Amino acid sequence: MTLGRRQFLATIAGGALSAQQLPDIRAVPADLTTPEMTGGEPAPGKRVRQAAPEYKNTDVHHALYLPTDFRPGQRYPVIVEYAGNGNYLNEYGDVSTGRVEGSNLGYGLSAGKGFVWLCLPYVNKTEGRNEITWWGDIAATVEYAKRAVPDVCARFGGDPRAVILGGFSRGAIGCNFIGLHDDGIARLWRAFFPYSHYDGVREWPYPASDRASALARLRRLAGRPSFISHERSIDATRDYLKSTAVEAPFTFQPLAFRNHNDAWALRDVPERRAARKWLAAVLPRV
């Protein structure tokens, strides 16, 4: 039996289809290719490796992309992204390296135009490198964001009123775990784009992943909008957020694919079109 797309989404949301029965995202041809991270100075259409001044003699770094339509003196919204956990490979061939250069959501949402895209690290301060699993030194990771986001806005035309925080898997959890860690970092963001997992839905193998701690972070959301997506079903996150009684403009989007990766953002699928529509709606009016 062939299902219409709306019926299909309702079916997977209800748990009637297993992951094995869902289509693979690779069956949809990509219409975007994420630029490789290179060295050199930032320039339109380039994704370059950068580091905060205090880490210039270490391997701690972020990735910065300036849009193809970048012009000095103009203002651009900013997508800030955190990567998923590294050392990940599942039975469908989905891979996550945990590295800043492995992220794709910001490029998929913007198609490389109209947005500055900043992929931030989790800082392993002791070893002087980016941490590819979980958070590294949490205080240092939070502080890196607090410095890097205003710096990018000041030097590369980012609009501080229009900074969107997103991430995949670990990065989705990090939207709250890092992005709402304290009042200082929380005030940086206009809206949130967590894909696949959400802080507080379940406990993870690190301190303060319990629901009471997650709720304290969630309250710093302060009514700002979120586009929350997950492969197969979004119901666990929806139910969790309902249980918290925290009110905000939550948009829930299940993805009709089995994959635990962010490759859907590089394809012309209805979920990406919905995400782009949401993004345009949450930006400040000029």
C-alpha atoms as a PDB file:
ATOM      1  CA  MET A   1       0.000   0.000   0.000  1.00  0.00           C
ATOM      2  CA  THR A   2       1.323   3.461  -0.904  1.00  0.00           C
ATOM      3  CA  LEU A   3       0.743   6.182   1.679  1.00  0.00           C
ATOM      4  CA  GLY A   4       0.373   9.865   0.964  1.00  0.00           C
ATOM      5  CA  ARG A   5       3.051  11.946   2.680  1.00  0.00           C
ATOM      6  CA  ARG A   6       0.716  13.323   5.367  1.00  0.00           C
ATOM      7  CA  GLN A   7      -0.574   9.836   6.144  1.00  0.00           C
ATOM      8  CA  PHE A   8       2.984   8.495   6.086  1.00  0.00           C
ATOM      9  CA  LEU A   9       4.148  11.069   8.638  1.00  0.00           C
ATOM     10  CA  ALA A  10       1.166  10.279  10.851  1.00  0.00           C
ATOM     11  CA  THR A  11       2.038   6.595  10.633  1.00  0.00           C
ATOM     12  CA  ILE A  12       5.672   6.991  11.674  1.00  0.00           C
ATOM     13  CA  ALA A  13       4.716   9.433  14.419  1.00  0.00           C
ATOM     14  CA  GLY A  14       2.445   6.753  15.809  1.00  0.00           C
ATOM     15  CA  GLY A  15       5.290   4.260  15.830  1.00  0.00           C
ATOM     16  CA  ALA A  16       3.647   1.942  13.292  1.00  0.00           C
ATOM     17  CA  LEU A  17       6.778   1.771  11.112  1.00  0.00           C
ATOM     18  CA  SER A  18      10.152   0.542  12.307  1.00  0.00           C
ATOM     19  CA  ALA A  19      13.374   2.312  11.445  1.00  0.00           C
ATOM     20  CA  GLN A  20      14.159  -0.455   8.951  1.00  0.00           C
ATOM     21  CA  GLN A  21      10.941   0.342   7.055  1.00  0.00           C
ATOM     22  CA  LEU A  22      11.720   4.029   6.708  1.00  0.00           C
ATOM     23  CA  PRO A  23      13.470   5.396   3.612  1.00  0.00           C
ATOM     24  CA  ASP A  24      17.157   6.295   3.638  1.00  0.00           C
ATOM     25  CA  ILE A  25      17.914   9.989   3.129  1.00  0.00           C
ATOM     26  CA  ARG A  26      20.618   9.082   0.608  1.00  0.00           C
ATOM     27  CA  ALA A  27      17.885   8.011  -1.805  1.00  0.00           C
ATOM     28  CA  VAL A  28      17.160  11.738  -2.238  1.00  0.00           C
ATOM     29  CA  PRO A  29      19.831  13.477  -4.358  1.00  0.00           C
ATOM     30  CA  ALA A  30      21.644  16.293  -2.578  1.00  0.00           C
ATOM     31  CA  ASP A  31      21.253  19.756  -4.083  1.00  0.00           C
ATOM     32  CA  LEU A  32      23.918  21.295  -1.806  1.00  0.00           C
ATOM     33  CA  THR A  33      27.486  20.361  -0.919  1.00  0.00           C
ATOM     34  CA  THR A  34      28.869  21.780   2.302  1.00  0.00           C
ATOM     35  CA  PRO A  35      32.137  23.658   1.698  1.00  0.00           C
ATOM     36  CA  GLU A  36      35.269  22.157   3.178  1.00  0.00           C
ATOM     37  CA  MET A  37      36.960  24.055   5.975  1.00  0.00           C
ATOM     38  CA  THR A  38      40.232  25.589   4.784  1.00  0.00           C
ATOM     39  CA  GLY A  39      42.897  27.913   6.101  1.00  0.00           C
ATOM     40  CA  GLY A  40      43.310  31.524   5.114  1.00  0.00           C
ATOM     41  CA  GLU A  41      41.285  34.632   5.781  1.00  0.00           C
ATOM     42  CA  PRO A  42      37.462  34.780   5.747  1.00  0.00           C
ATOM     43  CA  ALA A  43      35.957  35.698   2.381  1.00  0.00           C
ATOM     44  CA  PRO A  44      32.561  35.371   0.680  1.00  0.00           C
ATOM     45  CA  GLY A  45      31.713  31.737  -0.027  1.00  0.00           C
ATOM     46  CA  LYS A  46      34.638  30.381   2.024  1.00  0.00           C
ATOM     47  CA  ARG A  47      34.535  28.284   5.187  1.00  0.00           C
ATOM     48  CA  VAL A  48      37.689  28.874   7.151  1.00  0.00           C
ATOM     49  CA  ARG A  49      39.299  27.689  10.357  1.00  0.00           C
ATOM     50  CA  GLN A  50      39.492  30.378  13.032  1.00  0.00           C
ATOM     51  CA  ALA A  51      40.446  30.474  16.698  1.00  0.00           C
ATOM     52  CA  ALA A  52      39.766  32.783  19.591  1.00  0.00           C
ATOM     53  CA  PRO A  53      42.913  34.787  20.480  1.00  0.00           C
ATOM     54  CA  GLU A  54      43.472  32.985  23.779  1.00  0.00           C
ATOM     55  CA  TYR A  55      43.609  29.646  21.911  1.00  0.00           C
ATOM     56  CA  LYS A  56      45.774  30.669  18.950  1.00  0.00           C
ATOM     57  CA  ASN A  57      48.648  28.402  20.042  1.00  0.00           C
ATOM     58  CA  THR A  58      46.393  25.392  20.598  1.00  0.00           C
ATOM     59  CA  ASP A  59      44.210  23.141  18.440  1.00  0.00           C
ATOM     60  CA  VAL A  60      40.983  24.711  19.761  1.00  0.00           C
ATOM     61  CA  HIS A  61      39.173  26.290  16.818  1.00  0.00           C
ATOM     62  CA  HIS A  62      35.852  27.112  15.181  1.00  0.00           C
ATOM     63  CA  ALA A  63      34.663  27.210  11.574  1.00  0.00           C
ATOM     64  CA  LEU A  64      33.412  30.469  10.043  1.00  0.00           C
ATOM     65  CA  TYR A  65      31.525  30.801   6.768  1.00  0.00           C
ATOM     66  CA  LEU A  66      30.699  34.106   5.115  1.00  0.00           C
ATOM     67  CA  PRO A  67      27.814  34.010   2.631  1.00  0.00           C
ATOM     68  CA  THR A  68      28.386  34.344  -1.089  1.00  0.00           C
ATOM     69  CA  ASP A  69      26.503  37.658  -1.020  1.00  0.00           C
ATOM     70  CA  PHE A  70      28.598  39.051   1.839  1.00  0.00           C
ATOM     71  CA  ARG A  71      29.392  42.774   1.610  1.00  0.00           C
ATOM     72  CA  PRO A  72      31.401  44.702   4.219  1.00  0.00           C
ATOM     73  CA  GLY A  73      29.240  47.138   6.149  1.00  0.00           C
ATOM     74  CA  GLN A  74      26.042  45.124   5.752  1.00  0.00           C
ATOM     75  CA  ARG A  75      24.285  43.136   8.493  1.00  0.00           C
ATOM     76  CA  TYR A  76      23.526  39.420   8.294  1.00  0.00           C
ATOM     77  CA  PRO A  77      21.678  36.993  10.553  1.00  0.00           C
ATOM     78  CA  VAL A  78      23.944  34.368  12.105  1.00  0.00           C
ATOM     79  CA  ILE A  79      23.442  30.616  12.434  1.00  0.00           C
ATOM     80  CA  VAL A  80      25.554  29.201  15.257  1.00  0.00           C
ATOM     81  CA  GLU A  81      25.899  25.431  15.234  1.00  0.00           C
ATOM     82  CA  TYR A  82      27.178  22.700  17.544  1.00  0.00           C
ATOM     83  CA  ALA A  83      28.218  19.305  16.177  1.00  0.00           C
ATOM     84  CA  GLY A  84      27.026  15.852  17.168  1.00  0.00           C
ATOM     85  CA  ASN A  85      29.146  13.375  19.109  1.00  0.00           C
ATOM     86  CA  GLY A  86      32.141  11.917  17.354  1.00  0.00           C
ATOM     87  CA  ASN A  87      33.084   8.255  16.904  1.00  0.00           C
ATOM     88  CA  TYR A  88      29.511   7.541  15.786  1.00  0.00           C
ATOM     89  CA  LEU A  89      28.587   4.992  13.127  1.00  0.00           C
ATOM     90  CA  ASN A  90      25.279   3.130  12.978  1.00  0.00           C
ATOM     91  CA  GLU A  91      23.933   0.199  10.990  1.00  0.00           C
ATOM     92  CA  TYR A  92      22.744   2.488   8.185  1.00  0.00           C
ATOM     93  CA  GLY A  93      26.157   4.006   7.584  1.00  0.00           C
ATOM     94  CA  ASP A  94      25.355   7.293   9.325  1.00  0.00           C
ATOM     95  CA  VAL A  95      28.531   8.916  10.606  1.00  0.00           C
ATOM     96  CA  SER A  96      29.251  11.765  12.992  1.00  0.00           C
ATOM     97  CA  THR A  97      32.847  12.925  13.415  1.00  0.00           C
ATOM     98  CA  GLY A  98      32.130  15.334  16.260  1.00  0.00           C
ATOM     99  CA  ARG A  99      34.205  18.005  14.511  1.00  0.00           C
ATOM    100  CA  VAL A 100      33.162  21.554  13.675  1.00  0.00           C
ATOM    101  CA  GLU A 101      33.874  20.956   9.984  1.00  0.00           C
ATOM    102  CA  GLY A 102      31.475  17.985   9.932  1.00  0.00           C
ATOM    103  CA  SER A 103      28.353  20.095  10.568  1.00  0.00           C
ATOM    104  CA  ASN A 104      25.813  20.738   7.798  1.00  0.00           C
ATOM    105  CA  LEU A 105      22.623  22.254   9.237  1.00  0.00           C
ATOM    106  CA  GLY A 106      23.564  25.908   8.874  1.00  0.00           C
ATOM    107  CA  TYR A 107      24.633  25.516   5.283  1.00  0.00           C
ATOM    108  CA  GLY A 108      21.507  23.548   4.438  1.00  0.00           C
ATOM    109  CA  LEU A 109      19.214  26.118   6.007  1.00  0.00           C
ATOM    110  CA  SER A 110      20.885  29.063   4.270  1.00  0.00           C
ATOM    111  CA  ALA A 111      22.135  27.470   1.016  1.00  0.00           C
ATOM    112  CA  GLY A 112      25.247  29.533   1.626  1.00  0.00           C
ATOM    113  CA  LYS A 113      23.552  32.897   1.131  1.00  0.00           C
ATOM    114  CA  GLY A 114      22.238  35.611   3.398  1.00  0.00           C
ATOM    115  CA  PHE A 115      23.611  34.184   6.670  1.00  0.00           C
ATOM    116  CA  VAL A 116      26.919  34.114   8.485  1.00  0.00           C
ATOM    117  CA  TRP A 117      27.467  30.536   9.691  1.00  0.00           C
ATOM    118  CA  LEU A 118      29.552  29.827  12.781  1.00  0.00           C
ATOM    119  CA  CYS A 119      30.347  26.296  14.031  1.00  0.00           C
ATOM    120  CA  LEU A 120      31.590  26.437  17.612  1.00  0.00           C
ATOM    121  CA  PRO A 121      33.801  23.960  19.489  1.00  0.00           C
ATOM    122  CA  TYR A 122      33.420  22.070  22.716  1.00  0.00           C
ATOM    123  CA  VAL A 123      36.660  23.058  24.424  1.00  0.00           C
ATOM    124  CA  ASN A 124      39.035  20.519  25.940  1.00  0.00           C
ATOM    125  CA  LYS A 125      41.050  23.148  27.768  1.00  0.00           C
ATOM    126  CA  THR A 126      43.433  20.725  29.482  1.00  0.00           C
ATOM    127  CA  GLU A 127      44.626  19.175  26.222  1.00  0.00           C
ATOM    128  CA  GLY A 128      44.238  22.311  24.099  1.00  0.00           C
ATOM    129  CA  ARG A 129      41.928  20.814  21.489  1.00  0.00           C
ATOM    130  CA  ASN A 130      38.308  20.513  20.442  1.00  0.00           C
ATOM    131  CA  GLU A 131      36.427  17.762  22.273  1.00  0.00           C
ATOM    132  CA  ILE A 132      34.666  15.358  19.892  1.00  0.00           C
ATOM    133  CA  THR A 133      32.518  13.606  22.528  1.00  0.00           C
ATOM    134  CA  TRP A 134      30.304  15.508  24.946  1.00  0.00           C
ATOM    135  CA  TRP A 135      31.228  18.869  26.399  1.00  0.00           C
ATOM    136  CA  GLY A 136      34.920  19.099  27.278  1.00  0.00           C
ATOM    137  CA  ASP A 137      35.416  21.823  29.879  1.00  0.00           C
ATOM    138  CA  ILE A 138      31.875  23.173  30.175  1.00  0.00           C
ATOM    139  CA  ALA A 139      32.884  26.558  31.555  1.00  0.00           C
ATOM    140  CA  ALA A 140      35.445  27.011  28.765  1.00  0.00           C
ATOM    141  CA  THR A 141      32.960  25.884  26.113  1.00  0.00           C
ATOM    142  CA  VAL A 142      30.393  28.385  27.365  1.00  0.00           C
ATOM    143  CA  GLU A 143      32.968  31.161  27.577  1.00  0.00           C
ATOM    144  CA  TYR A 144      34.167  30.473  24.027  1.00  0.00           C
ATOM    145  CA  ALA A 145      30.641  31.070  22.721  1.00  0.00           C
ATOM    146  CA  LYS A 146      30.215  34.208  24.813  1.00  0.00           C
ATOM    147  CA  ARG A 147      33.319  35.694  23.184  1.00  0.00           C
ATOM    148  CA  ALA A 148      33.117  34.282  19.658  1.00  0.00           C
ATOM    149  CA  VAL A 149      29.528  35.260  18.845  1.00  0.00           C
ATOM    150  CA  PRO A 150      29.893  38.990  19.654  1.00  0.00           C
ATOM    151  CA  ASP A 151      33.294  39.008  17.948  1.00  0.00           C
ATOM    152  CA  VAL A 152      31.883  37.568  14.714  1.00  0.00           C
ATOM    153  CA  CYS A 153      29.016  40.036  14.845  1.00  0.00           C
ATOM    154  CA  ALA A 154      31.413  42.941  15.327  1.00  0.00           C
ATOM    155  CA  ARG A 155      33.965  41.941  12.688  1.00  0.00           C
ATOM    156  CA  PHE A 156      31.881  40.211  10.038  1.00  0.00           C
ATOM    157  CA  GLY A 157      28.541  41.970  10.023  1.00  0.00           C
ATOM    158  CA  GLY A 158      26.556  39.563  12.154  1.00  0.00           C
ATOM    159  CA  ASP A 159      23.313  40.983  13.474  1.00  0.00           C
ATOM    160  CA  PRO A 160      23.263  40.425  17.258  1.00  0.00           C
ATOM    161  CA  ARG A 161      19.459  40.628  17.162  1.00  0.00           C
ATOM    162  CA  ALA A 162      19.301  37.655  14.777  1.00  0.00           C
ATOM    163  CA  VAL A 163      21.539  34.890  16.117  1.00  0.00           C
ATOM    164  CA  ILE A 164      20.002  31.412  15.793  1.00  0.00           C
ATOM    165  CA  LEU A 165      21.481  28.513  17.797  1.00  0.00           C
ATOM    166  CA  GLY A 166      21.207  25.030  16.324  1.00  0.00           C
ATOM    167  CA  GLY A 167      22.810  21.635  16.402  1.00  0.00           C
ATOM    168  CA  PHE A 168      22.538  17.956  15.600  1.00  0.00           C
ATOM    169  CA  SER A 169      22.327  15.162  18.223  1.00  0.00           C
ATOM    170  CA  ARG A 170      24.851  16.190  20.924  1.00  0.00           C
ATOM    171  CA  GLY A 171      24.525  19.666  19.404  1.00  0.00           C
ATOM    172  CA  ALA A 172      20.740  19.536  19.735  1.00  0.00           C
ATOM    173  CA  ILE A 173      21.093  18.775  23.442  1.00  0.00           C
ATOM    174  CA  GLY A 174      23.741  21.490  23.558  1.00  0.00           C
ATOM    175  CA  CYS A 175      21.253  24.113  22.416  1.00  0.00           C
ATOM    176  CA  ASN A 176      20.032  24.089  26.009  1.00  0.00           C
ATOM    177  CA  PHE A 177      22.850  22.381  27.920  1.00  0.00           C
ATOM    178  CA  ILE A 178      25.402  24.888  26.629  1.00  0.00           C
ATOM    179  CA  GLY A 179      23.241  27.598  25.061  1.00  0.00           C
ATOM    180  CA  LEU A 180      21.072  28.066  28.158  1.00  0.00           C
ATOM    181  CA  HIS A 181      23.787  27.212  30.680  1.00  0.00           C
ATOM    182  CA  ASP A 182      23.598  30.623  32.336  1.00  0.00           C
ATOM    183  CA  ASP A 183      21.937  33.981  31.801  1.00  0.00           C
ATOM    184  CA  GLY A 184      24.976  35.415  30.022  1.00  0.00           C
ATOM    185  CA  ILE A 185      25.091  32.905  27.193  1.00  0.00           C
ATOM    186  CA  ALA A 186      21.307  32.553  27.064  1.00  0.00           C
ATOM    187  CA  ARG A 187      20.834  36.172  26.052  1.00  0.00           C
ATOM    188  CA  LEU A 188      22.843  35.702  22.846  1.00  0.00           C
ATOM    189  CA  TRP A 189      20.123  33.801  20.981  1.00  0.00           C
ATOM    190  CA  ARG A 190      16.981  34.815  19.158  1.00  0.00           C
ATOM    191  CA  ALA A 191      15.702  31.293  18.439  1.00  0.00           C
ATOM    192  CA  PHE A 192      16.760  27.632  18.581  1.00  0.00           C
ATOM    193  CA  PHE A 193      17.049  24.817  16.059  1.00  0.00           C
ATOM    194  CA  PRO A 194      17.759  21.481  17.804  1.00  0.00           C
ATOM    195  CA  TYR A 195      17.665  18.418  15.542  1.00  0.00           C
ATOM    196  CA  SER A 196      17.583  14.869  16.962  1.00  0.00           C
ATOM    197  CA  HIS A 197      17.488  14.758  20.801  1.00  0.00           C
ATOM    198  CA  TYR A 198      16.628  17.400  23.348  1.00  0.00           C
ATOM    199  CA  ASP A 199      18.003  18.353  26.749  1.00  0.00           C
ATOM    200  CA  GLY A 200      15.945  16.750  29.538  1.00  0.00           C
ATOM    201  CA  VAL A 201      14.114  14.066  27.568  1.00  0.00           C
ATOM    202  CA  ARG A 202      16.430  11.366  28.969  1.00  0.00           C
ATOM    203  CA  GLU A 203      19.513  11.179  31.161  1.00  0.00           C
ATOM    204  CA  TRP A 204      22.948  10.895  29.604  1.00  0.00           C
ATOM    205  CA  PRO A 205      26.355   9.844  31.022  1.00  0.00           C
ATOM    206  CA  TYR A 206      27.395  13.267  32.312  1.00  0.00           C
ATOM    207  CA  PRO A 207      26.428  15.352  35.357  1.00  0.00           C
ATOM    208  CA  ALA A 208      23.341  17.602  35.320  1.00  0.00           C
ATOM    209  CA  SER A 209      21.546  15.680  32.576  1.00  0.00           C
ATOM    210  CA  ASP A 210      18.657  15.006  34.980  1.00  0.00           C
ATOM    211  CA  ARG A 211      15.275  16.621  34.411  1.00  0.00           C
ATOM    212  CA  ALA A 212      15.475  19.042  37.331  1.00  0.00           C
ATOM    213  CA  SER A 213      18.730  20.501  35.976  1.00  0.00           C
ATOM    214  CA  ALA A 214      17.363  20.552  32.423  1.00  0.00           C
ATOM    215  CA  LEU A 215      14.249  22.383  33.597  1.00  0.00           C
ATOM    216  CA  ALA A 216      16.361  25.114  35.182  1.00  0.00           C
ATOM    217  CA  ARG A 217      18.051  25.596  31.808  1.00  0.00           C
ATOM    218  CA  LEU A 218      14.790  25.403  29.878  1.00  0.00           C
ATOM    219  CA  ARG A 219      13.327  28.255  31.911  1.00  0.00           C
ATOM    220  CA  ARG A 220      16.017  30.511  30.430  1.00  0.00           C
ATOM    221  CA  LEU A 221      14.324  29.994  27.068  1.00  0.00           C
ATOM    222  CA  ALA A 222      12.140  32.920  28.129  1.00  0.00           C
ATOM    223  CA  GLY A 223       9.463  32.469  25.496  1.00  0.00           C
ATOM    224  CA  ARG A 224      11.738  32.374  22.454  1.00  0.00           C
ATOM    225  CA  PRO A 225      10.851  30.121  19.488  1.00  0.00           C
ATOM    226  CA  SER A 226      12.307  26.693  18.728  1.00  0.00           C
ATOM    227  CA  PHE A 227      12.094  24.428  15.677  1.00  0.00           C
ATOM    228  CA  ILE A 228      12.475  20.942  17.144  1.00  0.00           C
ATOM    229  CA  SER A 229      12.939  17.997  14.801  1.00  0.00           C
ATOM    230  CA  HIS A 230      13.820  14.332  15.073  1.00  0.00           C
ATOM    231  CA  GLU A 231      14.061  11.391  12.740  1.00  0.00           C
ATOM    232  CA  ARG A 232      11.026   9.103  12.844  1.00  0.00           C
ATOM    233  CA  SER A 233       9.106  10.757  15.690  1.00  0.00           C
ATOM    234  CA  ILE A 234       9.159  13.931  17.768  1.00  0.00           C
ATOM    235  CA  ASP A 235       6.658  12.661  20.348  1.00  0.00           C
ATOM    236  CA  ALA A 236       9.105  12.043  23.223  1.00  0.00           C
ATOM    237  CA  THR A 237      10.287  15.655  23.121  1.00  0.00           C
ATOM    238  CA  ARG A 238       6.780  17.004  22.696  1.00  0.00           C
ATOM    239  CA  ASP A 239       5.586  15.012  25.719  1.00  0.00           C
ATOM    240  CA  TYR A 240       8.557  16.120  27.802  1.00  0.00           C
ATOM    241  CA  LEU A 241       8.052  19.796  27.038  1.00  0.00           C
ATOM    242  CA  LYS A 242       4.350  19.512  27.814  1.00  0.00           C
ATOM    243  CA  SER A 243       5.212  17.999  31.203  1.00  0.00           C
ATOM    244  CA  THR A 244       7.415  20.988  32.096  1.00  0.00           C
ATOM    245  CA  ALA A 245       4.607  23.532  31.663  1.00  0.00           C
ATOM    246  CA  VAL A 246       7.166  25.878  30.081  1.00  0.00           C
ATOM    247  CA  GLU A 247       5.409  27.907  27.415  1.00  0.00           C
ATOM    248  CA  ALA A 248       7.136  29.070  24.239  1.00  0.00           C
ATOM    249  CA  PRO A 249       6.504  28.901  20.480  1.00  0.00           C
ATOM    250  CA  PHE A 250       7.600  25.300  19.888  1.00  0.00           C
ATOM    251  CA  THR A 251       7.413  23.987  16.324  1.00  0.00           C
ATOM    252  CA  PHE A 252       7.657  20.192  16.089  1.00  0.00           C
ATOM    253  CA  GLN A 253       8.801  18.472  12.895  1.00  0.00           C
ATOM    254  CA  PRO A 254       9.287  14.709  12.498  1.00  0.00           C
ATOM    255  CA  LEU A 255      11.557  13.593   9.662  1.00  0.00           C
ATOM    256  CA  ALA A 256      10.339  10.765   7.438  1.00  0.00           C
ATOM    257  CA  PHE A 257      13.767   9.120   7.253  1.00  0.00           C
ATOM    258  CA  ARG A 258      15.574   6.511   9.327  1.00  0.00           C
ATOM    259  CA  ASN A 259      18.928   8.264   9.411  1.00  0.00           C
ATOM    260  CA  HIS A 260      20.642   9.741  12.440  1.00  0.00           C
ATOM    261  CA  ASN A 261      22.592  12.362  10.522  1.00  0.00           C
ATOM    262  CA  ASP A 262      22.112  15.922   9.292  1.00  0.00           C
ATOM    263  CA  ALA A 263      22.276  15.071   5.574  1.00  0.00           C
ATOM    264  CA  TRP A 264      18.581  15.943   5.086  1.00  0.00           C
ATOM    265  CA  ALA A 265      19.474  19.629   5.336  1.00  0.00           C
ATOM    266  CA  LEU A 266      21.410  19.278   2.071  1.00  0.00           C
ATOM    267  CA  ARG A 267      18.364  17.984   0.175  1.00  0.00           C
ATOM    268  CA  ASP A 268      15.172  19.503  -1.158  1.00  0.00           C
ATOM    269  CA  VAL A 269      12.762  17.694   1.143  1.00  0.00           C
ATOM    270  CA  PRO A 270       9.558  19.072   2.713  1.00  0.00           C
ATOM    271  CA  GLU A 271      11.188  19.124   6.159  1.00  0.00           C
ATOM    272  CA  ARG A 272      13.912  21.481   4.954  1.00  0.00           C
ATOM    273  CA  ARG A 273      11.351  23.719   3.287  1.00  0.00           C
ATOM    274  CA  ALA A 274       9.425  23.871   6.569  1.00  0.00           C
ATOM    275  CA  ALA A 275      12.613  24.695   8.477  1.00  0.00           C
ATOM    276  CA  ARG A 276      13.524  27.499   6.074  1.00  0.00           C
ATOM    277  CA  LYS A 277      10.020  28.941   6.311  1.00  0.00           C
ATOM    278  CA  TRP A 278      10.255  28.923  10.117  1.00  0.00           C
ATOM    279  CA  LEU A 279      13.684  30.539   9.993  1.00  0.00           C
ATOM    280  CA  ALA A 280      12.472  33.379   7.786  1.00  0.00           C
ATOM    281  CA  ALA A 281       9.535  33.960  10.128  1.00  0.00           C
ATOM    282  CA  VAL A 282      11.595  34.243  13.329  1.00  0.00           C
ATOM    283  CA  LEU A 283      14.119  36.758  12.005  1.00  0.00           C
ATOM    284  CA  PRO A 284      13.613  40.404  12.998  1.00  0.00           C
ATOM    285  CA  ARG A 285      11.808  42.625  10.547  1.00  0.00           C
ATOM    286  CA  VAL A 286      14.108  45.126   8.883  1.00  0.00           C
END
